[in-house]
Amino acid sequence: MVGILSIVIGLIISSAFSAILVYATELLPGKVDLVAGLFFGFAFGMGGLGSAILGKLADETSIVYIFKVCAFLPLIGILTSFLPNIESKKA
């Protein structure tokens, strides 16, 4: 069951990847290559660091504790409400 849910969650998270990249390129028009490079580098770098940290924490505690910690990570998505509005305001 955990394997199936992990696949579904992975598909949902990866579906937002392209939308986030488009949003980032709209913030810096004309610098698509810079934004894409920074975005992919940051995303995969943070993924690698996160898996190493969670692995170390799993060694010290238990895998059940890691699942409980990861259950709360999507709450970070609340921070997206503080992103700037990029639509131009017409007077």
PDB file of N, CA and C in Angstrom:
ATOM      1  N   MET A   1       0.819  -1.200   0.000  1.00  0.00           N
ATOM      2  CA  MET A   1       0.000   0.000   0.000  1.00  0.00           C
ATOM      3  C   MET A   1       0.863   1.264   0.000  1.00  0.00           C
ATOM      4  N   VAL A   2       1.942   1.260   0.788  1.00  0.00           N
ATOM      5  CA  VAL A   2       2.822   2.433   0.851  1.00  0.00           C
ATOM      6  C   VAL A   2       3.462   2.683  -0.513  1.00  0.00           C
ATOM      7  N   GLY A   3       3.844   1.614  -1.195  1.00  0.00           N
ATOM      8  CA  GLY A   3       4.450   1.764  -2.524  1.00  0.00           C
ATOM      9  C   GLY A   3       3.507   2.414  -3.516  1.00  0.00           C
ATOM     10  N   ILE A   4       2.260   1.988  -3.510  1.00  0.00           N
ATOM     11  CA  ILE A   4       1.263   2.561  -4.431  1.00  0.00           C
ATOM     12  C   ILE A   4       1.031   4.028  -4.108  1.00  0.00           C
ATOM     13  N   LEU A   5       0.866   4.348  -2.837  1.00  0.00           N
ATOM     14  CA  LEU A   5       0.657   5.746  -2.451  1.00  0.00           C
ATOM     15  C   LEU A   5       1.880   6.600  -2.752  1.00  0.00           C
ATOM     16  N   SER A   6       3.069   6.052  -2.613  1.00  0.00           N
ATOM     17  CA  SER A   6       4.283   6.801  -2.936  1.00  0.00           C
ATOM     18  C   SER A   6       4.338   7.140  -4.415  1.00  0.00           C
ATOM     19  N   ILE A   7       3.920   6.219  -5.253  1.00  0.00           N
ATOM     20  CA  ILE A   7       3.896   6.479  -6.697  1.00  0.00           C
ATOM     21  C   ILE A   7       2.876   7.570  -7.015  1.00  0.00           C
ATOM     22  N   VAL A   8       1.691   7.480  -6.426  1.00  0.00           N
ATOM     23  CA  VAL A   8       0.655   8.494  -6.674  1.00  0.00           C
ATOM     24  C   VAL A   8       1.125   9.871  -6.201  1.00  0.00           C
ATOM     25  N   ILE A   9       1.713   9.941  -5.018  1.00  0.00           N
ATOM     26  CA  ILE A   9       2.200  11.221  -4.488  1.00  0.00           C
ATOM     27  C   ILE A   9       3.321  11.772  -5.362  1.00  0.00           C
ATOM     28  N   GLY A  10       4.214  10.908  -5.818  1.00  0.00           N
ATOM     29  CA  GLY A  10       5.291  11.344  -6.708  1.00  0.00           C
ATOM     30  C   GLY A  10       4.774  11.915  -8.009  1.00  0.00           C
ATOM     31  N   LEU A  11       3.743  11.296  -8.572  1.00  0.00           N
ATOM     32  CA  LEU A  11       3.152  11.808  -9.810  1.00  0.00           C
ATOM     33  C   LEU A  11       2.497  13.167  -9.587  1.00  0.00           C
ATOM     34  N   ILE A  12       1.826  13.319  -8.470  1.00  0.00           N
ATOM     35  CA  ILE A  12       1.179  14.599  -8.174  1.00  0.00           C
ATOM     36  C   ILE A  12       2.229  15.701  -8.003  1.00  0.00           C
ATOM     37  N   ILE A  13       3.284  15.416  -7.265  1.00  0.00           N
ATOM     38  CA  ILE A  13       4.320  16.422  -7.036  1.00  0.00           C
ATOM     39  C   ILE A  13       5.038  16.762  -8.334  1.00  0.00           C
ATOM     40  N   SER A  14       5.342  15.758  -9.153  1.00  0.00           N
ATOM     41  CA  SER A  14       6.061  16.036 -10.391  1.00  0.00           C
ATOM     42  C   SER A  14       5.199  16.758 -11.408  1.00  0.00           C
ATOM     43  N   SER A  15       3.881  16.671 -11.290  1.00  0.00           N
ATOM     44  CA  SER A  15       3.019  17.387 -12.233  1.00  0.00           C
ATOM     45  C   SER A  15       3.113  18.894 -12.034  1.00  0.00           C
ATOM     46  N   ALA A  16       3.450  19.340 -10.841  1.00  0.00           N
ATOM     47  CA  ALA A  16       3.576  20.771 -10.575  1.00  0.00           C
ATOM     48  C   ALA A  16       4.934  21.314 -10.991  1.00  0.00           C
ATOM     49  N   PHE A  17       5.879  20.449 -11.310  1.00  0.00           N
ATOM     50  CA  PHE A  17       7.249  20.867 -11.608  1.00  0.00           C
ATOM     51  C   PHE A  17       7.301  21.841 -12.787  1.00  0.00           C
ATOM     52  N   SER A  18       6.608  21.514 -13.878  1.00  0.00           N
ATOM     53  CA  SER A  18       6.653  22.381 -15.063  1.00  0.00           C
ATOM     54  C   SER A  18       5.939  23.703 -14.810  1.00  0.00           C
ATOM     55  N   ALA A  19       4.850  23.689 -14.045  1.00  0.00           N
ATOM     56  CA  ALA A  19       4.140  24.934 -13.751  1.00  0.00           C
ATOM     57  C   ALA A  19       5.009  25.869 -12.912  1.00  0.00           C
ATOM     58  N   ILE A  20       5.756  25.311 -11.990  1.00  0.00           N
ATOM     59  CA  ILE A  20       6.645  26.123 -11.164  1.00  0.00           C
ATOM     60  C   ILE A  20       7.759  26.722 -12.019  1.00  0.00           C
ATOM     61  N   LEU A  21       8.262  25.948 -12.956  1.00  0.00           N
ATOM     62  CA  LEU A  21       9.319  26.444 -13.838  1.00  0.00           C
ATOM     63  C   LEU A  21       8.801  27.580 -14.721  1.00  0.00           C
ATOM     64  N   VAL A  22       7.590  27.463 -15.235  1.00  0.00           N
ATOM     65  CA  VAL A  22       6.997  28.536 -16.047  1.00  0.00           C
ATOM     66  C   VAL A  22       6.811  29.785 -15.203  1.00  0.00           C
ATOM     67  N   TYR A  23       6.339  29.621 -13.986  1.00  0.00           N
ATOM     68  CA  TYR A  23       6.170  30.762 -13.081  1.00  0.00           C
ATOM     69  C   TYR A  23       7.505  31.464 -12.838  1.00  0.00           C
ATOM     70  N   ALA A  24       8.536  30.693 -12.637  1.00  0.00           N
ATOM     71  CA  ALA A  24       9.863  31.269 -12.388  1.00  0.00           C
ATOM     72  C   ALA A  24      10.393  32.006 -13.614  1.00  0.00           C
ATOM     73  N   THR A  25      10.154  31.483 -14.811  1.00  0.00           N
ATOM     74  CA  THR A  25      10.626  32.170 -16.021  1.00  0.00           C
ATOM     75  C   THR A  25       9.840  33.452 -16.274  1.00  0.00           C
ATOM     76  N   GLU A  26       8.593  33.521 -15.794  1.00  0.00           N
ATOM     77  CA  GLU A  26       7.837  34.772 -15.928  1.00  0.00           C
ATOM     78  C   GLU A  26       8.370  35.846 -14.987  1.00  0.00           C
ATOM     79  N   LEU A  27       8.982  35.432 -13.892  1.00  0.00           N
ATOM     80  CA  LEU A  27       9.564  36.412 -12.978  1.00  0.00           C
ATOM     81  C   LEU A  27      10.828  37.042 -13.548  1.00  0.00           C
ATOM     82  N   LEU A  28      11.563  36.287 -14.386  1.00  0.00           N
ATOM     83  CA  LEU A  28      12.776  36.796 -15.026  1.00  0.00           C
ATOM     84  C   LEU A  28      12.689  36.582 -16.538  1.00  0.00           C
ATOM     85  N   PRO A  29      11.922  37.400 -17.238  1.00  0.00           N
ATOM     86  CA  PRO A  29      11.793  37.202 -18.690  1.00  0.00           C
ATOM     87  C   PRO A  29      13.127  37.441 -19.396  1.00  0.00           C
ATOM     88  N   GLY A  30      13.385  36.643 -20.414  1.00  0.00           N
ATOM     89  CA  GLY A  30      14.624  36.766 -21.164  1.00  0.00           C
ATOM     90  C   GLY A  30      15.773  35.973 -20.570  1.00  0.00           C
ATOM     91  N   LYS A  31      15.580  35.358 -19.443  1.00  0.00           N
ATOM     92  CA  LYS A  31      16.633  34.579 -18.783  1.00  0.00           C
ATOM     93  C   LYS A  31      16.154  33.147 -18.546  1.00  0.00           C
ATOM     94  N   VAL A  32      15.538  32.558 -19.569  1.00  0.00           N
ATOM     95  CA  VAL A  32      14.957  31.227 -19.432  1.00  0.00           C
ATOM     96  C   VAL A  32      16.025  30.193 -19.101  1.00  0.00           C
ATOM     97  N   ASP A  33      17.171  30.277 -19.760  1.00  0.00           N
ATOM     98  CA  ASP A  33      18.226  29.287 -19.512  1.00  0.00           C
ATOM     99  C   ASP A  33      18.784  29.395 -18.099  1.00  0.00           C
ATOM    100  N   LEU A  34      18.941  30.618 -17.609  1.00  0.00           N
ATOM    101  CA  LEU A  34      19.426  30.821 -16.253  1.00  0.00           C
ATOM    102  C   LEU A  34      18.438  30.260 -15.233  1.00  0.00           C
ATOM    103  N   VAL A  35      17.161  30.587 -15.415  1.00  0.00           N
ATOM    104  CA  VAL A  35      16.132  30.132 -14.486  1.00  0.00           C
ATOM    105  C   VAL A  35      16.036  28.609 -14.496  1.00  0.00           C
ATOM    106  N   ALA A  36      16.034  28.014 -15.677  1.00  0.00           N
ATOM    107  CA  ALA A  36      15.921  26.561 -15.768  1.00  0.00           C
ATOM    108  C   ALA A  36      17.118  25.874 -15.118  1.00  0.00           C
ATOM    109  N   GLY A  37      18.303  26.377 -15.370  1.00  0.00           N
ATOM    110  CA  GLY A  37      19.495  25.786 -14.772  1.00  0.00           C
ATOM    111  C   GLY A  37      19.501  25.890 -13.265  1.00  0.00           C
ATOM    112  N   LEU A  38      19.180  27.079 -12.757  1.00  0.00           N
ATOM    113  CA  LEU A  38      19.134  27.264 -11.308  1.00  0.00           C
ATOM    114  C   LEU A  38      18.029  26.414 -10.676  1.00  0.00           C
ATOM    115  N   PHE A  39      16.881  26.365 -11.344  1.00  0.00           N
ATOM    116  CA  PHE A  39      15.752  25.627 -10.789  1.00  0.00           C
ATOM    117  C   PHE A  39      16.052  24.138 -10.705  1.00  0.00           C
ATOM    118  N   PHE A  40      16.550  23.560 -11.797  1.00  0.00           N
ATOM    119  CA  PHE A  40      16.844  22.129 -11.782  1.00  0.00           C
ATOM    120  C   PHE A  40      17.988  21.813 -10.825  1.00  0.00           C
ATOM    121  N   GLY A  41      19.013  22.635 -10.811  1.00  0.00           N
ATOM    122  CA  GLY A  41      20.124  22.414  -9.899  1.00  0.00           C
ATOM    123  C   GLY A  41      19.688  22.493  -8.451  1.00  0.00           C
ATOM    124  N   PHE A  42      18.896  23.498  -8.133  1.00  0.00           N
ATOM    125  CA  PHE A  42      18.414  23.654  -6.765  1.00  0.00           C
ATOM    126  C   PHE A  42      17.485  22.515  -6.375  1.00  0.00           C
ATOM    127  N   ALA A  43      16.565  22.159  -7.273  1.00  0.00           N
ATOM    128  CA  ALA A  43      15.587  21.114  -6.955  1.00  0.00           C
ATOM    129  C   ALA A  43      16.262  19.770  -6.706  1.00  0.00           C
ATOM    130  N   PHE A  44      17.154  19.364  -7.599  1.00  0.00           N
ATOM    131  CA  PHE A  44      17.807  18.075  -7.432  1.00  0.00           C
ATOM    132  C   PHE A  44      18.833  18.107  -6.292  1.00  0.00           C
ATOM    133  N   GLY A  45      19.473  19.234  -6.090  1.00  0.00           N
ATOM    134  CA  GLY A  45      20.407  19.364  -4.974  1.00  0.00           C
ATOM    135  C   GLY A  45      19.705  19.264  -3.634  1.00  0.00           C
ATOM    136  N   MET A  46      18.581  19.954  -3.495  1.00  0.00           N
ATOM    137  CA  MET A  46      17.824  19.887  -2.248  1.00  0.00           C
ATOM    138  C   MET A  46      17.226  18.501  -2.037  1.00  0.00           C
ATOM    139  N   GLY A  47      16.840  17.847  -3.125  1.00  0.00           N
ATOM    140  CA  GLY A  47      16.342  16.479  -3.009  1.00  0.00           C
ATOM    141  C   GLY A  47      17.408  15.537  -2.494  1.00  0.00           C
ATOM    142  N   GLY A  48      18.626  15.699  -2.986  1.00  0.00           N
ATOM    143  CA  GLY A  48      19.732  14.875  -2.513  1.00  0.00           C
ATOM    144  C   GLY A  48      20.069  15.137  -1.057  1.00  0.00           C
ATOM    145  N   LEU A  49      20.109  16.414  -0.682  1.00  0.00           N
ATOM    146  CA  LEU A  49      20.377  16.748   0.721  1.00  0.00           C
ATOM    147  C   LEU A  49      19.257  16.257   1.634  1.00  0.00           C
ATOM    148  N   GLY A  50      18.023  16.421   1.173  1.00  0.00           N
ATOM    149  CA  GLY A  50      16.885  15.976   1.982  1.00  0.00           C
ATOM    150  C   GLY A  50      16.891  14.479   2.206  1.00  0.00           C
ATOM    151  N   SER A  51      17.224  13.710   1.167  1.00  0.00           N
ATOM    152  CA  SER A  51      17.244  12.260   1.333  1.00  0.00           C
ATOM    153  C   SER A  51      18.382  11.827   2.253  1.00  0.00           C
ATOM    154  N   ALA A  52      19.502  12.523   2.187  1.00  0.00           N
ATOM    155  CA  ALA A  52      20.602  12.195   3.098  1.00  0.00           C
ATOM    156  C   ALA A  52      20.241  12.510   4.544  1.00  0.00           C
ATOM    157  N   ILE A  53      19.613  13.654   4.757  1.00  0.00           N
ATOM    158  CA  ILE A  53      19.217  14.037   6.116  1.00  0.00           C
ATOM    159  C   ILE A  53      18.158  13.084   6.663  1.00  0.00           C
ATOM    160  N   LEU A  54      17.161  12.759   5.827  1.00  0.00           N
ATOM    161  CA  LEU A  54      16.128  11.830   6.284  1.00  0.00           C
ATOM    162  C   LEU A  54      16.697  10.433   6.523  1.00  0.00           C
ATOM    163  N   GLY A  55      17.674  10.020   5.724  1.00  0.00           N
ATOM    164  CA  GLY A  55      18.311   8.727   5.936  1.00  0.00           C
ATOM    165  C   GLY A  55      19.058   8.673   7.248  1.00  0.00           C
ATOM    166  N   LYS A  56      19.786   9.734   7.552  1.00  0.00           N
ATOM    167  CA  LYS A  56      20.515   9.813   8.831  1.00  0.00           C
ATOM    168  C   LYS A  56      19.538   9.810  10.005  1.00  0.00           C
ATOM    169  N   LEU A  57      18.441  10.560   9.855  1.00  0.00           N
ATOM    170  CA  LEU A  57      17.435  10.605  10.908  1.00  0.00           C
ATOM    171  C   LEU A  57      16.743   9.253  11.067  1.00  0.00           C
ATOM    172  N   ALA A  58      16.537   8.549   9.962  1.00  0.00           N
ATOM    173  CA  ALA A  58      15.933   7.212  10.033  1.00  0.00           C
ATOM    174  C   ALA A  58      16.856   6.229  10.743  1.00  0.00           C
ATOM    175  N   ASP A  59      18.148   6.369  10.527  1.00  0.00           N
ATOM    176  CA  ASP A  59      19.103   5.504  11.229  1.00  0.00           C
ATOM    177  C   ASP A  59      19.085   5.739  12.743  1.00  0.00           C
ATOM    178  N   GLU A  60      18.893   6.998  13.122  1.00  0.00           N
ATOM    179  CA  GLU A  60      18.910   7.332  14.542  1.00  0.00           C
ATOM    180  C   GLU A  60      17.578   7.085  15.231  1.00  0.00           C
ATOM    181  N   THR A  61      16.478   7.153  14.487  1.00  0.00           N
ATOM    182  CA  THR A  61      15.152   6.952  15.094  1.00  0.00           C
ATOM    183  C   THR A  61      14.525   5.690  14.508  1.00  0.00           C
ATOM    184  N   SER A  62      13.523   5.857  13.675  1.00  0.00           N
ATOM    185  CA  SER A  62      12.877   4.718  13.012  1.00  0.00           C
ATOM    186  C   SER A  62      12.220   5.208  11.729  1.00  0.00           C
ATOM    187  N   ILE A  63      11.895   4.286  10.858  1.00  0.00           N
ATOM    188  CA  ILE A  63      11.258   4.650   9.597  1.00  0.00           C
ATOM    189  C   ILE A  63       9.840   5.170   9.835  1.00  0.00           C
ATOM    190  N   VAL A  64       9.206   4.695  10.898  1.00  0.00           N
ATOM    191  CA  VAL A  64       7.859   5.180  11.237  1.00  0.00           C
ATOM    192  C   VAL A  64       7.925   6.664  11.588  1.00  0.00           C
ATOM    193  N   TYR A  65       8.951   7.062  12.306  1.00  0.00           N
ATOM    194  CA  TYR A  65       9.129   8.477  12.651  1.00  0.00           C
ATOM    195  C   TYR A  65       9.332   9.321  11.391  1.00  0.00           C
ATOM    196  N   ILE A  66      10.073   8.801  10.432  1.00  0.00           N
ATOM    197  CA  ILE A  66      10.317   9.522   9.179  1.00  0.00           C
ATOM    198  C   ILE A  66       9.023   9.710   8.400  1.00  0.00           C
ATOM    199  N   PHE A  67       8.178   8.673   8.379  1.00  0.00           N
ATOM    200  CA  PHE A  67       6.888   8.808   7.703  1.00  0.00           C
ATOM    201  C   PHE A  67       6.034   9.873   8.381  1.00  0.00           C
ATOM    202  N   LYS A  68       6.097   9.944   9.693  1.00  0.00           N
ATOM    203  CA  LYS A  68       5.336  10.973  10.404  1.00  0.00           C
ATOM    204  C   LYS A  68       5.868  12.368  10.095  1.00  0.00           C
ATOM    205  N   VAL A  69       7.186  12.507  10.029  1.00  0.00           N
ATOM    206  CA  VAL A  69       7.787  13.803   9.697  1.00  0.00           C
ATOM    207  C   VAL A  69       7.413  14.212   8.274  1.00  0.00           C
ATOM    208  N   CYS A  70       7.511  13.275   7.344  1.00  0.00           N
ATOM    209  CA  CYS A  70       7.219  13.579   5.936  1.00  0.00           C
ATOM    210  C   CYS A  70       5.746  13.884   5.704  1.00  0.00           C
ATOM    211  N   ALA A  71       4.882  13.403   6.572  1.00  0.00           N
ATOM    212  CA  ALA A  71       3.460  13.695   6.429  1.00  0.00           C
ATOM    213  C   ALA A  71       3.169  15.183   6.609  1.00  0.00           C
ATOM    214  N   PHE A  72       4.026  15.870   7.350  1.00  0.00           N
ATOM    215  CA  PHE A  72       3.820  17.294   7.585  1.00  0.00           C
ATOM    216  C   PHE A  72       4.572  18.191   6.603  1.00  0.00           C
ATOM    217  N   LEU A  73       5.427  17.643   5.779  1.00  0.00           N
ATOM    218  CA  LEU A  73       6.191  18.468   4.834  1.00  0.00           C
ATOM    219  C   LEU A  73       5.319  19.210   3.816  1.00  0.00           C
ATOM    220  N   PRO A  74       4.201  18.651   3.349  1.00  0.00           N
ATOM    221  CA  PRO A  74       3.374  19.424   2.409  1.00  0.00           C
ATOM    222  C   PRO A  74       2.817  20.718   2.983  1.00  0.00           C
ATOM    223  N   LEU A  75       2.841  20.869   4.295  1.00  0.00           N
ATOM    224  CA  LEU A  75       2.379  22.126   4.879  1.00  0.00           C
ATOM    225  C   LEU A  75       3.250  23.306   4.457  1.00  0.00           C
ATOM    226  N   ILE A  76       4.447  23.001   3.970  1.00  0.00           N
ATOM    227  CA  ILE A  76       5.319  24.060   3.462  1.00  0.00           C
ATOM    228  C   ILE A  76       4.656  24.750   2.265  1.00  0.00           C
ATOM    229  N   GLY A  77       3.767  24.038   1.606  1.00  0.00           N
ATOM    230  CA  GLY A  77       3.035  24.627   0.478  1.00  0.00           C
ATOM    231  C   GLY A  77       2.207  25.829   0.858  1.00  0.00           C
ATOM    232  N   ILE A  78       1.895  25.979   2.138  1.00  0.00           N
ATOM    233  CA  ILE A  78       1.160  27.159   2.595  1.00  0.00           C
ATOM    234  C   ILE A  78       1.971  28.422   2.319  1.00  0.00           C
ATOM    235  N   LEU A  79       3.288  28.282   2.305  1.00  0.00           N
ATOM    236  CA  LEU A  79       4.142  29.444   2.048  1.00  0.00           C
ATOM    237  C   LEU A  79       3.925  30.027   0.657  1.00  0.00           C
ATOM    238  N   THR A  80       3.337  29.260  -0.251  1.00  0.00           N
ATOM    239  CA  THR A  80       3.099  29.782  -1.601  1.00  0.00           C
ATOM    240  C   THR A  80       2.097  30.924  -1.603  1.00  0.00           C
ATOM    241  N   SER A  81       1.316  31.056  -0.547  1.00  0.00           N
ATOM    242  CA  SER A  81       0.373  32.177  -0.491  1.00  0.00           C
ATOM    243  C   SER A  81       1.108  33.519  -0.350  1.00  0.00           C
ATOM    244  N   PHE A  82       2.376  33.466   0.006  1.00  0.00           N
ATOM    245  CA  PHE A  82       3.164  34.696   0.151  1.00  0.00           C
ATOM    246  C   PHE A  82       3.969  35.047  -1.100  1.00  0.00           C
ATOM    247  N   LEU A  83       3.816  34.265  -2.174  1.00  0.00           N
ATOM    248  CA  LEU A  83       4.529  34.575  -3.414  1.00  0.00           C
ATOM    249  C   LEU A  83       3.960  35.848  -4.034  1.00  0.00           C
ATOM    250  N   PRO A  84       4.781  36.591  -4.769  1.00  0.00           N
ATOM    251  CA  PRO A  84       4.293  37.853  -5.342  1.00  0.00           C
ATOM    252  C   PRO A  84       3.308  37.610  -6.477  1.00  0.00           C
ATOM    253  N   ASN A  85       2.405  38.550  -6.649  1.00  0.00           N
ATOM    254  CA  ASN A  85       1.443  38.518  -7.751  1.00  0.00           C
ATOM    255  C   ASN A  85       2.124  39.114  -8.988  1.00  0.00           C
ATOM    256  N   ILE A  86       2.303  38.311 -10.040  1.00  0.00           N
ATOM    257  CA  ILE A  86       3.033  38.794 -11.203  1.00  0.00           C
ATOM    258  C   ILE A  86       2.128  39.389 -12.276  1.00  0.00           C
ATOM    259  N   GLU A  87       0.826  39.323 -12.075  1.00  0.00           N
ATOM    260  CA  GLU A  87      -0.079  39.927 -13.045  1.00  0.00           C
ATOM    261  C   GLU A  87       0.037  41.445 -12.934  1.00  0.00           C
ATOM    262  N   SER A  88       0.074  42.101 -14.098  1.00  0.00           N
ATOM    263  CA  SER A  88       0.208  43.556 -14.088  1.00  0.00           C
ATOM    264  C   SER A  88      -1.106  44.181 -13.613  1.00  0.00           C
ATOM    265  N   LYS A  89      -0.966  45.187 -12.782  1.00  0.00           N
ATOM    266  CA  LYS A  89      -2.149  45.875 -12.261  1.00  0.00           C
ATOM    267  C   LYS A  89      -2.477  47.032 -13.186  1.00  0.00           C
ATOM    268  N   LYS A  90      -3.696  47.023 -13.671  1.00  0.00           N
ATOM    269  CA  LYS A  90      -4.134  48.092 -14.578  1.00  0.00           C
ATOM    270  C   LYS A  90      -4.885  49.146 -13.776  1.00  0.00           C
ATOM    271  N   ALA A  91      -4.489  50.388 -13.987  1.00  0.00           N
ATOM    272  CA  ALA A  91      -5.105  51.481 -13.233  1.00  0.00           C
ATOM    273  C   ALA A  91      -6.372  51.963 -13.865  1.00  0.00           C
TER     274      ALA A  91
END
